[in-house]
């Protein structure tokens, strides 16, 4: 869960950094891009990242839950 939250926050941060760099090197003065503005609807991105991370962790968690530890350790 922590890895999912950190990954989501890093992804959004990198997206804003890329947008800021694009806006810095942009030559058009009509529509200047900036990555310093956080739009309130970006919380949907955070929620989507959390949802995908939780969904992706369910399958390995179920596999670990169903595994028989004594049989796995007895193989060696």
C-alpha atoms as a PDB file:
ATOM      1  CA  UNK A   1       0.000   0.000   0.000  1.00  0.00           C
ATOM      2  CA  UNK A   2       2.820   2.388   0.869  1.00  0.00           C
ATOM      3  CA  UNK A   3       4.621   1.512  -2.364  1.00  0.00           C
ATOM      4  CA  UNK A   4       1.446   2.237  -4.313  1.00  0.00           C
ATOM      5  CA  UNK A   5       0.982   5.637  -2.667  1.00  0.00           C
ATOM      6  CA  UNK A   6       4.622   6.609  -3.157  1.00  0.00           C
ATOM      7  CA  UNK A   7       4.580   5.445  -6.789  1.00  0.00           C
ATOM      8  CA  UNK A   8       1.400   7.375  -7.514  1.00  0.00           C
ATOM      9  CA  UNK A   9       2.769  10.554  -5.956  1.00  0.00           C
ATOM     10  CA  UNK A  10       6.071  10.208  -7.813  1.00  0.00           C
ATOM     11  CA  UNK A  11       4.213   9.650 -11.093  1.00  0.00           C
ATOM     12  CA  UNK A  12       2.075  12.753 -10.654  1.00  0.00           C
ATOM     13  CA  UNK A  13       5.144  14.735  -9.610  1.00  0.00           C
ATOM     14  CA  UNK A  14       7.123  13.604 -12.647  1.00  0.00           C
ATOM     15  CA  UNK A  15       4.196  14.510 -14.875  1.00  0.00           C
ATOM     16  CA  UNK A  16       4.130  18.022 -13.457  1.00  0.00           C
ATOM     17  CA  UNK A  17       7.914  18.310 -13.780  1.00  0.00           C
ATOM     18  CA  UNK A  18       7.742  17.257 -17.443  1.00  0.00           C
ATOM     19  CA  UNK A  19       4.979  19.772 -18.083  1.00  0.00           C
ATOM     20  CA  UNK A  20       7.032  22.494 -16.415  1.00  0.00           C
ATOM     21  CA  UNK A  21      10.068  21.661 -18.576  1.00  0.00           C
ATOM     22  CA  UNK A  22       7.962  21.660 -21.736  1.00  0.00           C
ATOM     23  CA  UNK A  23       6.479  25.019 -20.762  1.00  0.00           C
ATOM     24  CA  UNK A  24       9.930  26.447 -20.081  1.00  0.00           C
ATOM     25  CA  UNK A  25      11.212  25.592 -23.558  1.00  0.00           C
ATOM     26  CA  UNK A  26       7.964  26.441 -25.289  1.00  0.00           C
ATOM     27  CA  UNK A  27       8.240  29.365 -27.692  1.00  0.00           C
ATOM     28  CA  UNK A  28       4.544  30.222 -27.954  1.00  0.00           C
ATOM     29  CA  UNK A  29       3.409  33.059 -25.748  1.00  0.00           C
ATOM     30  CA  UNK A  30      -0.287  32.491 -26.414  1.00  0.00           C
ATOM     31  CA  UNK A  31      -0.760  29.441 -24.246  1.00  0.00           C
ATOM     32  CA  UNK A  32       2.056  29.057 -21.747  1.00  0.00           C
ATOM     33  CA  UNK A  33       2.194  25.659 -20.024  1.00  0.00           C
ATOM     34  CA  UNK A  34       3.061  25.337 -16.360  1.00  0.00           C
ATOM     35  CA  UNK A  35       3.392  22.360 -14.086  1.00  0.00           C
ATOM     36  CA  UNK A  36       3.091  24.408 -10.922  1.00  0.00           C
ATOM     37  CA  UNK A  37      -0.707  24.404 -10.888  1.00  0.00           C
ATOM     38  CA  UNK A  38      -2.451  21.403  -9.362  1.00  0.00           C
ATOM     39  CA  UNK A  39      -6.015  20.990 -10.593  1.00  0.00           C
ATOM     40  CA  UNK A  40      -8.461  19.589  -8.018  1.00  0.00           C
ATOM     41  CA  UNK A  41      -9.624  16.902 -10.443  1.00  0.00           C
ATOM     42  CA  UNK A  42      -6.139  15.389 -10.297  1.00  0.00           C
ATOM     43  CA  UNK A  43      -7.298  13.605  -7.178  1.00  0.00           C
ATOM     44  CA  UNK A  44      -8.993  11.194  -9.587  1.00  0.00           C
ATOM     45  CA  UNK A  45      -5.522  10.289 -10.868  1.00  0.00           C
ATOM     46  CA  UNK A  46      -4.392   9.585  -7.331  1.00  0.00           C
ATOM     47  CA  UNK A  47      -7.463   7.458  -6.648  1.00  0.00           C
ATOM     48  CA  UNK A  48      -7.002   5.585  -9.931  1.00  0.00           C
ATOM     49  CA  UNK A  49      -3.349   4.895  -9.082  1.00  0.00           C
ATOM     50  CA  UNK A  50      -4.324   3.597  -5.672  1.00  0.00           C
ATOM     51  CA  UNK A  51      -7.059   1.439  -7.154  1.00  0.00           C
ATOM     52  CA  UNK A  52      -4.741  -0.086  -9.737  1.00  0.00           C
ATOM     53  CA  UNK A  53      -2.070  -0.724  -7.104  1.00  0.00           C
ATOM     54  CA  UNK A  54      -4.510  -2.414  -4.751  1.00  0.00           C
ATOM     55  CA  UNK A  55      -5.983  -4.505  -7.564  1.00  0.00           C
ATOM     56  CA  UNK A  56      -2.496  -5.554  -8.717  1.00  0.00           C
ATOM     57  CA  UNK A  57      -1.542  -6.643  -5.197  1.00  0.00           C
ATOM     58  CA  UNK A  58      -4.579  -8.871  -4.653  1.00  0.00           C
ATOM     59  CA  UNK A  59      -3.398 -11.766  -6.843  1.00  0.00           C
ATOM     60  CA  UNK A  60       0.055 -12.202  -5.223  1.00  0.00           C
ATOM     61  CA  UNK A  61      -1.508 -11.825  -1.780  1.00  0.00           C
ATOM     62  CA  UNK A  62      -4.032 -14.588  -2.505  1.00  0.00           C
ATOM     63  CA  UNK A  63      -1.281 -16.839  -3.881  1.00  0.00           C
ATOM     64  CA  UNK A  64       0.805 -16.309  -0.743  1.00  0.00           C
ATOM     65  CA  UNK A  65      -2.234 -16.957   1.452  1.00  0.00           C
ATOM     66  CA  UNK A  66      -3.022 -20.250  -0.276  1.00  0.00           C
ATOM     67  CA  UNK A  67       0.550 -21.566  -0.269  1.00  0.00           C
ATOM     68  CA  UNK A  68       1.541 -24.283   2.166  1.00  0.00           C
ATOM     69  CA  UNK A  69       4.675 -23.019   3.895  1.00  0.00           C
ATOM     70  CA  UNK A  70       5.712 -26.417   5.279  1.00  0.00           C
ATOM     71  CA  UNK A  71       5.677 -27.986   1.792  1.00  0.00           C
ATOM     72  CA  UNK A  72       7.638 -25.090   0.315  1.00  0.00           C
ATOM     73  CA  UNK A  73      10.305 -25.276   3.037  1.00  0.00           C
ATOM     74  CA  UNK A  74      10.478 -29.090   2.856  1.00  0.00           C
ATOM     75  CA  UNK A  75      11.537 -28.995  -0.823  1.00  0.00           C
ATOM     76  CA  UNK A  76      15.090 -27.942   0.145  1.00  0.00           C
END
